[in-house]
C-alpha atoms as a PDB file:
ATOM      1  CA  MET A   1     120.531 109.370  99.330  1.00  0.00           C
ATOM      2  CA  ASP A   2     120.204 106.919 101.984  1.00  0.00           C
ATOM      3  CA  LYS A   3     119.436 109.275 104.227  1.00  0.00           C
ATOM      4  CA  LEU A   4     116.412 110.146 102.058  1.00  0.00           C
ATOM      5  CA  ILE A   5     114.912 106.659 101.567  1.00  0.00           C
ATOM      6  CA  LEU A   6     115.180 106.167 105.233  1.00  0.00           C
ATOM      7  CA  GLU A   7     113.124 109.269 105.818  1.00  0.00           C
ATOM      8  CA  LEU A   8     110.986 107.908 102.839  1.00  0.00           C
ATOM      9  CA  LYS A   9     110.265 104.171 104.521  1.00  0.00           C
ATOM     10  CA  GLN A  10     109.292 106.138 107.711  1.00  0.00           C
ATOM     11  CA  GLU A  11     106.896 108.720 106.178  1.00  0.00           C
ATOM     12  CA  ILE A  12     105.295 105.991 104.123  1.00  0.00           C
ATOM     13  CA  ILE A  13     105.069 103.656 107.595  1.00  0.00           C
ATOM     14  CA  LYS A  14     103.678 106.862 109.252  1.00  0.00           C
ATOM     15  CA  VAL A  15     101.151 108.171 106.298  1.00  0.00           C
ATOM     16  CA  LEU A  16      99.692 104.283 105.499  1.00  0.00           C
ATOM     17  CA  ASN A  17      99.368 103.240 108.980  1.00  0.00           C
ATOM     18  CA  LEU A  18     102.035 100.403 109.067  1.00  0.00           C
ATOM     19  CA  GLU A  19     102.737 100.142 112.226  1.00  0.00           C
ATOM     20  CA  GLU A  20     103.789  96.596 112.143  1.00  0.00           C
ATOM     21  CA  MET A  21     106.572  97.392 109.829  1.00  0.00           C
ATOM     22  CA  THR A  22     109.949  98.933 110.642  1.00  0.00           C
ATOM     23  CA  PRO A  23     111.667 100.583 107.975  1.00  0.00           C
ATOM     24  CA  GLU A  24     114.243  97.677 106.968  1.00  0.00           C
ATOM     25  CA  ASP A  25     111.099  95.436 106.650  1.00  0.00           C
ATOM     26  CA  ILE A  26     110.774  97.455 102.753  1.00  0.00           C
ATOM     27  CA  ASP A  27     113.284  96.345 100.617  1.00  0.00           C
ATOM     28  CA  ASN A  28     114.320  99.808  98.561  1.00  0.00           C
ATOM     29  CA  GLU A  29     113.539  98.006  95.237  1.00  0.00           C
ATOM     30  CA  ALA A  30     110.498  96.289  96.183  1.00  0.00           C
ATOM     31  CA  PRO A  31     107.422  97.088  94.197  1.00  0.00           C
ATOM     32  CA  LEU A  32     105.011  99.416  96.605  1.00  0.00           C
ATOM     33  CA  PHE A  33     101.984  98.045  94.182  1.00  0.00           C
ATOM     34  CA  GLY A  34     100.782  94.548  93.926  1.00  0.00           C
ATOM     35  CA  GLU A  35     103.176  91.562  94.847  1.00  0.00           C
ATOM     36  CA  GLY A  36     105.507  93.875  97.229  1.00  0.00           C
ATOM     37  CA  LEU A  37     103.853  95.913  99.725  1.00  0.00           C
ATOM     38  CA  GLY A  38     100.662  95.547  98.167  1.00  0.00           C
ATOM     39  CA  LEU A  39      99.475  99.122  97.952  1.00  0.00           C
ATOM     40  CA  ASP A  40      96.175 100.206  96.476  1.00  0.00           C
ATOM     41  CA  SER A  41      95.160 103.358  94.611  1.00  0.00           C
ATOM     42  CA  ILE A  42      93.911 105.025  98.148  1.00  0.00           C
ATOM     43  CA  ASP A  43      97.707 104.470  99.269  1.00  0.00           C
ATOM     44  CA  ALA A  44      98.695 106.346  96.371  1.00  0.00           C
ATOM     45  CA  LEU A  45      97.034 109.225  97.279  1.00  0.00           C
ATOM     46  CA  GLU A  46      97.940 109.574 100.387  1.00  0.00           C
ATOM     47  CA  LEU A  47     102.098 109.383  98.905  1.00  0.00           C
ATOM     48  CA  ILE A  48     100.958 111.982  96.697  1.00  0.00           C
ATOM     49  CA  VAL A  49      99.942 114.092  99.453  1.00  0.00           C
ATOM     50  CA  MET A  50     103.160 113.282 101.463  1.00  0.00           C
ATOM     51  CA  ILE A  51     105.480 114.305  98.551  1.00  0.00           C
ATOM     52  CA  GLU A  52     103.082 117.502  97.875  1.00  0.00           C
ATOM     53  CA  LYS A  53     103.855 118.414 101.722  1.00  0.00           C
ATOM     54  CA  ASN A  54     107.206 117.426 102.729  1.00  0.00           C
ATOM     55  CA  TYR A  55     109.199 117.722  99.136  1.00  0.00           C
ATOM     56  CA  GLY A  56     106.709 120.366  97.635  1.00  0.00           C
ATOM     57  CA  ILE A  57     106.729 118.073  94.686  1.00  0.00           C
ATOM     58  CA  ARG A  58     103.532 118.531  93.155  1.00  0.00           C
ATOM     59  CA  LEU A  59     103.056 116.390  90.039  1.00  0.00           C
ATOM     60  CA  ALA A  60     101.811 117.852  87.173  1.00  0.00           C
ATOM     61  CA  ASN A  61     100.990 115.032  85.507  1.00  0.00           C
ATOM     62  CA  PRO A  62      99.156 112.522  87.348  1.00  0.00           C
ATOM     63  CA  ALA A  63     100.132 109.429  84.521  1.00  0.00           C
ATOM     64  CA  GLU A  64     103.814 110.080  85.642  1.00  0.00           C
ATOM     65  CA  GLY A  65     103.280 108.937  89.347  1.00  0.00           C
ATOM     66  CA  LYS A  66     102.897 105.047  88.109  1.00  0.00           C
ATOM     67  CA  ALA A  67     106.971 105.489  87.334  1.00  0.00           C
ATOM     68  CA  ILE A  68     107.929 107.400  90.364  1.00  0.00           C
ATOM     69  CA  PHE A  69     105.716 105.438  92.734  1.00  0.00           C
ATOM     70  CA  GLN A  70     107.618 101.806  91.852  1.00  0.00           C
ATOM     71  CA  SER A  71     109.607 101.612  94.510  1.00  0.00           C
ATOM     72  CA  VAL A  72     110.974 103.610  97.466  1.00  0.00           C
ATOM     73  CA  ALA A  73     114.071 103.731  95.470  1.00  0.00           C
ATOM     74  CA  THR A  74     111.785 105.543  92.376  1.00  0.00           C
ATOM     75  CA  ILE A  75     110.235 107.683  94.671  1.00  0.00           C
ATOM     76  CA  ALA A  76     113.784 108.769  96.753  1.00  0.00           C
ATOM     77  CA  ASP A  77     115.214 109.418  93.163  1.00  0.00           C
ATOM     78  CA  TYR A  78     112.428 111.716  92.034  1.00  0.00           C
ATOM     79  CA  VAL A  79     112.376 113.805  95.171  1.00  0.00           C
ATOM     80  CA  SER A  80     116.010 114.066  94.954  1.00  0.00           C
ATOM     81  CA  LYS A  81     115.574 115.447  91.885  1.00  0.00           C
ATOM     82  CA  ASN A  82     112.519 117.821  91.858  1.00  0.00           C
ATOM     83  CA  ARG A  83     112.283 118.544  95.676  1.00  0.00           C
ATOM     84  CA  LYS A  84     111.057 122.209  96.574  1.00  0.00           C
ATOM     85  CA  LYS A  85     112.465 122.120 100.491  1.00  0.00           C
END
């Protein structure tokens, strides 16, 4: 799971152009939206596309995205249970 978490952090930094950040700067449990990384709805769409492209996971219900994208740890948990690639 640690390898997946690191991979997700690297992808988040790349996809969202967070060049000033390193994977170590992102806490596994920190909220991605609001007071955590401060991501917005456009960033959420970028993350959804990244998950589909990299792991073959298509979110059937966009409403479930809020629970999945709470933190890097929740994304990693979802990906590890649902990945197709």
